């Protein structure tokens, strides 16, 4: 679900989706487009919420394959934000 709100004459965009695999794909896509939007819309604040929660719940760290996938996903997200 997408929504756009106005607070103190400022636009706030939110995007929420379930299940976790869909949310993960949306997060990566949004992060990839983030730099252009930050510049073009003169964004002053970005709040990323529950990214770590998603990987904690989705990937069981007791399984080494999951640990590798979790590390790869977090590394990809961090590289995009860098």
C-alpha atoms as a PDB file:
ATOM      1  CA  UNK A   1       0.000   0.000   0.000  1.00  0.00           C
ATOM      2  CA  UNK A   2       1.296   3.453  -0.926  1.00  0.00           C
ATOM      3  CA  UNK A   3       0.236   6.711   0.609  1.00  0.00           C
ATOM      4  CA  UNK A   4       1.205  10.347   0.424  1.00  0.00           C
ATOM      5  CA  UNK A   5       0.452  12.689   3.297  1.00  0.00           C
ATOM      6  CA  UNK A   6       0.986  16.378   3.923  1.00  0.00           C
ATOM      7  CA  UNK A   7       2.394  17.452   7.289  1.00  0.00           C
ATOM      8  CA  UNK A   8       3.276  21.116   7.845  1.00  0.00           C
ATOM      9  CA  UNK A   9       3.183  21.640   4.063  1.00  0.00           C
ATOM     10  CA  UNK A  10       5.686  18.783   3.595  1.00  0.00           C
ATOM     11  CA  UNK A  11       5.008  15.606   1.620  1.00  0.00           C
ATOM     12  CA  UNK A  12       5.479  12.275   3.374  1.00  0.00           C
ATOM     13  CA  UNK A  13       5.493   9.133   1.234  1.00  0.00           C
ATOM     14  CA  UNK A  14       5.009   5.718   2.833  1.00  0.00           C
ATOM     15  CA  UNK A  15       4.963   2.261   1.308  1.00  0.00           C
ATOM     16  CA  UNK A  16       3.974  -0.917   3.140  1.00  0.00           C
ATOM     17  CA  UNK A  17       3.642  -4.448   1.811  1.00  0.00           C
ATOM     18  CA  UNK A  18       3.408  -8.014   3.023  1.00  0.00           C
ATOM     19  CA  UNK A  19       4.606 -10.822   2.795  1.00  0.00           C
ATOM     20  CA  UNK A  20       8.278 -10.529   3.667  1.00  0.00           C
ATOM     21  CA  UNK A  21       9.655 -11.481   0.245  1.00  0.00           C
ATOM     22  CA  UNK A  22       7.546  -8.769  -1.393  1.00  0.00           C
ATOM     23  CA  UNK A  23       8.625  -6.252   1.238  1.00  0.00           C
ATOM     24  CA  UNK A  24      12.273  -7.183   0.681  1.00  0.00           C
ATOM     25  CA  UNK A  25      11.937  -6.604  -3.078  1.00  0.00           C
ATOM     26  CA  UNK A  26      10.206  -3.258  -2.536  1.00  0.00           C
ATOM     27  CA  UNK A  27      12.917  -2.112  -0.132  1.00  0.00           C
ATOM     28  CA  UNK A  28      15.706  -2.915  -2.587  1.00  0.00           C
ATOM     29  CA  UNK A  29      13.870  -1.217  -5.491  1.00  0.00           C
ATOM     30  CA  UNK A  30      13.089   1.878  -3.427  1.00  0.00           C
ATOM     31  CA  UNK A  31      16.661   2.133  -2.197  1.00  0.00           C
ATOM     32  CA  UNK A  32      17.924   1.967  -5.775  1.00  0.00           C
ATOM     33  CA  UNK A  33      15.714   4.945  -6.753  1.00  0.00           C
ATOM     34  CA  UNK A  34      16.315   6.854  -3.544  1.00  0.00           C
ATOM     35  CA  UNK A  35      19.251   9.063  -4.559  1.00  0.00           C
ATOM     36  CA  UNK A  36      17.408  10.570  -7.534  1.00  0.00           C
ATOM     37  CA  UNK A  37      14.288  11.249  -5.466  1.00  0.00           C
ATOM     38  CA  UNK A  38      16.278  12.768  -2.588  1.00  0.00           C
ATOM     39  CA  UNK A  39      17.881  15.243  -4.985  1.00  0.00           C
ATOM     40  CA  UNK A  40      14.842  16.042  -7.136  1.00  0.00           C
ATOM     41  CA  UNK A  41      12.424  16.410  -4.191  1.00  0.00           C
ATOM     42  CA  UNK A  42      14.937  18.018  -1.822  1.00  0.00           C
ATOM     43  CA  UNK A  43      14.324  15.404   0.851  1.00  0.00           C
ATOM     44  CA  UNK A  44      15.589  16.382   4.293  1.00  0.00           C
ATOM     45  CA  UNK A  45      14.825  13.229   6.284  1.00  0.00           C
ATOM     46  CA  UNK A  46      14.604   9.542   5.437  1.00  0.00           C
ATOM     47  CA  UNK A  47      13.313   7.036   7.973  1.00  0.00           C
ATOM     48  CA  UNK A  48      13.991   3.359   7.329  1.00  0.00           C
ATOM     49  CA  UNK A  49      12.054   1.235   9.762  1.00  0.00           C
ATOM     50  CA  UNK A  50      12.068  -2.517  10.315  1.00  0.00           C
ATOM     51  CA  UNK A  51      14.712  -3.451   7.735  1.00  0.00           C
ATOM     52  CA  UNK A  52      16.656  -5.408  10.339  1.00  0.00           C
ATOM     53  CA  UNK A  53      13.450  -6.878  11.730  1.00  0.00           C
ATOM     54  CA  UNK A  54      12.645  -8.307   8.316  1.00  0.00           C
ATOM     55  CA  UNK A  55      15.928 -10.176   8.028  1.00  0.00           C
ATOM     56  CA  UNK A  56      15.842 -11.367  11.641  1.00  0.00           C
ATOM     57  CA  UNK A  57      12.433 -12.944  11.148  1.00  0.00           C
ATOM     58  CA  UNK A  58      12.924 -14.236   7.610  1.00  0.00           C
ATOM     59  CA  UNK A  59      16.356 -15.831   7.932  1.00  0.00           C
ATOM     60  CA  UNK A  60      17.038 -18.443  10.621  1.00  0.00           C
ATOM     61  CA  UNK A  61      20.684 -17.777  11.554  1.00  0.00           C
ATOM     62  CA  UNK A  62      21.163 -21.392  12.679  1.00  0.00           C
ATOM     63  CA  UNK A  63      21.172 -22.445   9.006  1.00  0.00           C
ATOM     64  CA  UNK A  64      24.420 -21.373   7.310  1.00  0.00           C
ATOM     65  CA  UNK A  65      22.756 -20.882   3.911  1.00  0.00           C
ATOM     66  CA  UNK A  66      20.302 -18.438   5.506  1.00  0.00           C
ATOM     67  CA  UNK A  67      23.134 -16.594   7.210  1.00  0.00           C
ATOM     68  CA  UNK A  68      24.850 -16.153   3.841  1.00  0.00           C
ATOM     69  CA  UNK A  69      21.624 -14.916   2.214  1.00  0.00           C
ATOM     70  CA  UNK A  70      20.949 -12.531   5.095  1.00  0.00           C
ATOM     71  CA  UNK A  71      24.469 -11.138   4.922  1.00  0.00           C
ATOM     72  CA  UNK A  72      24.181 -10.695   1.143  1.00  0.00           C
ATOM     73  CA  UNK A  73      20.859  -8.845   1.459  1.00  0.00           C
ATOM     74  CA  UNK A  74      22.091  -6.501   4.195  1.00  0.00           C
ATOM     75  CA  UNK A  75      25.320  -5.870   2.262  1.00  0.00           C
ATOM     76  CA  UNK A  76      23.332  -5.021  -0.865  1.00  0.00           C
ATOM     77  CA  UNK A  77      21.119  -2.600   1.060  1.00  0.00           C
ATOM     78  CA  UNK A  78      24.128  -0.995   2.754  1.00  0.00           C
ATOM     79  CA  UNK A  79      25.934  -0.576  -0.582  1.00  0.00           C
ATOM     80  CA  UNK A  80      22.897   1.164  -2.076  1.00  0.00           C
ATOM     81  CA  UNK A  81      22.649   3.536   0.889  1.00  0.00           C
ATOM     82  CA  UNK A  82      26.374   4.284   0.814  1.00  0.00           C
END
